[in-house]
Amino acid sequence: MNIILKRTTRGVTTDASGRFTFNDVPDNGVLVFSYTGFISQEISVKGNTTINVFIENPCLLLATF
């Protein structure tokens, strides 16, 4: 998964377990989480040191009637 600090070119990727470290993120920063084929998600940092993210597969959303 790719993680980018919104409105910047700074980014990191997760390890095989989905963990990541992103240093020097301002308290008012917004992280954008993306992965090919999934819906991107934006999460405000708001001083959190731990962020849990669940991304959705749009194909599963289309299959729901």
C-alpha atoms as a PDB file:
ATOM      1  CA  MET A   1       0.000   0.000   0.000  1.00  0.00           C
ATOM      2  CA  ASN A   2       1.179   3.523  -0.758  1.00  0.00           C
ATOM      3  CA  ILE A   3       0.804   6.324   1.761  1.00  0.00           C
ATOM      4  CA  ILE A   4       1.282   9.946   0.764  1.00  0.00           C
ATOM      5  CA  LEU A   5       1.094  13.100   2.864  1.00  0.00           C
ATOM      6  CA  LYS A   6      -1.633  15.088   1.090  1.00  0.00           C
ATOM      7  CA  ARG A   7      -0.503  18.178  -0.836  1.00  0.00           C
ATOM      8  CA  THR A   8       3.130  16.982  -0.825  1.00  0.00           C
ATOM      9  CA  THR A   9       5.312  14.552  -2.743  1.00  0.00           C
ATOM     10  CA  ARG A  10       6.354  12.764   0.472  1.00  0.00           C
ATOM     11  CA  GLY A  11       5.304   9.160   0.767  1.00  0.00           C
ATOM     12  CA  VAL A  12       6.069   5.696   2.109  1.00  0.00           C
ATOM     13  CA  THR A  13       4.928   2.135   1.470  1.00  0.00           C
ATOM     14  CA  THR A  14       3.839  -0.525   3.929  1.00  0.00           C
ATOM     15  CA  ASP A  15       5.835  -3.651   4.699  1.00  0.00           C
ATOM     16  CA  ALA A  16       4.475  -7.175   4.070  1.00  0.00           C
ATOM     17  CA  SER A  17       2.505  -6.965   7.335  1.00  0.00           C
ATOM     18  CA  GLY A  18       0.909  -3.632   6.407  1.00  0.00           C
ATOM     19  CA  ARG A  19       2.970  -1.613   8.888  1.00  0.00           C
ATOM     20  CA  PHE A  20       4.576   1.702   8.070  1.00  0.00           C
ATOM     21  CA  THR A  21       6.448   4.596   9.650  1.00  0.00           C
ATOM     22  CA  PHE A  22       6.002   8.149   8.433  1.00  0.00           C
ATOM     23  CA  ASN A  23       8.190  10.701  10.207  1.00  0.00           C
ATOM     24  CA  ASP A  24       7.635  14.443  10.618  1.00  0.00           C
ATOM     25  CA  VAL A  25       3.918  14.494   9.792  1.00  0.00           C
ATOM     26  CA  PRO A  26       2.253  17.680  11.067  1.00  0.00           C
ATOM     27  CA  ASP A  27      -0.660  17.285  13.504  1.00  0.00           C
ATOM     28  CA  ASN A  28      -3.002  18.746  10.887  1.00  0.00           C
ATOM     29  CA  GLY A  29      -1.648  16.439   8.159  1.00  0.00           C
ATOM     30  CA  VAL A  30      -3.809  14.134   6.073  1.00  0.00           C
ATOM     31  CA  LEU A  31      -2.496  10.774   4.905  1.00  0.00           C
ATOM     32  CA  VAL A  32      -3.771   9.305   1.636  1.00  0.00           C
ATOM     33  CA  PHE A  33      -3.775   5.495   1.545  1.00  0.00           C
ATOM     34  CA  SER A  34      -3.970   3.836  -1.867  1.00  0.00           C
ATOM     35  CA  TYR A  35      -3.516   0.450  -3.464  1.00  0.00           C
ATOM     36  CA  THR A  36      -4.101  -0.544  -7.079  1.00  0.00           C
ATOM     37  CA  GLY A  37      -7.659  -1.732  -7.611  1.00  0.00           C
ATOM     38  CA  PHE A  38      -8.944  -0.445  -4.265  1.00  0.00           C
ATOM     39  CA  ILE A  39     -10.680   2.762  -3.170  1.00  0.00           C
ATOM     40  CA  SER A  40      -8.228   5.338  -1.787  1.00  0.00           C
ATOM     41  CA  GLN A  41      -8.834   6.633   1.704  1.00  0.00           C
ATOM     42  CA  GLU A  42      -7.823   9.909   3.372  1.00  0.00           C
ATOM     43  CA  ILE A  43      -7.273   9.989   7.127  1.00  0.00           C
ATOM     44  CA  SER A  44      -6.461  13.026   9.250  1.00  0.00           C
ATOM     45  CA  VAL A  45      -3.511  12.463  11.582  1.00  0.00           C
ATOM     46  CA  LYS A  46      -4.776  14.750  14.401  1.00  0.00           C
ATOM     47  CA  GLY A  47      -1.811  13.800  16.613  1.00  0.00           C
ATOM     48  CA  ASN A  48      -2.450  10.032  16.445  1.00  0.00           C
ATOM     49  CA  THR A  49       0.547   7.742  16.616  1.00  0.00           C
ATOM     50  CA  THR A  50      -1.425   4.682  15.446  1.00  0.00           C
ATOM     51  CA  ILE A  51      -3.786   4.602  12.480  1.00  0.00           C
ATOM     52  CA  ASN A  52      -5.821   1.583  11.391  1.00  0.00           C
ATOM     53  CA  VAL A  53      -6.964   1.582   7.766  1.00  0.00           C
ATOM     54  CA  PHE A  54      -9.419  -0.687   5.987  1.00  0.00           C
ATOM     55  CA  ILE A  55      -9.592  -0.301   2.230  1.00  0.00           C
ATOM     56  CA  GLU A  56     -12.516  -1.414   0.091  1.00  0.00           C
ATOM     57  CA  ASN A  57     -12.508  -3.395  -3.116  1.00  0.00           C
ATOM     58  CA  PRO A  58     -14.858  -1.585  -5.544  1.00  0.00           C
ATOM     59  CA  CYS A  59     -15.673  -4.878  -7.311  1.00  0.00           C
ATOM     60  CA  LEU A  60     -17.294  -6.158  -4.130  1.00  0.00           C
ATOM     61  CA  LEU A  61     -19.331  -2.967  -3.862  1.00  0.00           C
ATOM     62  CA  LEU A  62     -20.599  -3.375  -7.439  1.00  0.00           C
ATOM     63  CA  ALA A  63     -21.646  -6.969  -6.806  1.00  0.00           C
ATOM     64  CA  THR A  64     -24.007  -5.970  -3.992  1.00  0.00           C
ATOM     65  CA  PHE A  65     -27.654  -5.707  -5.068  1.00  0.00           C
END
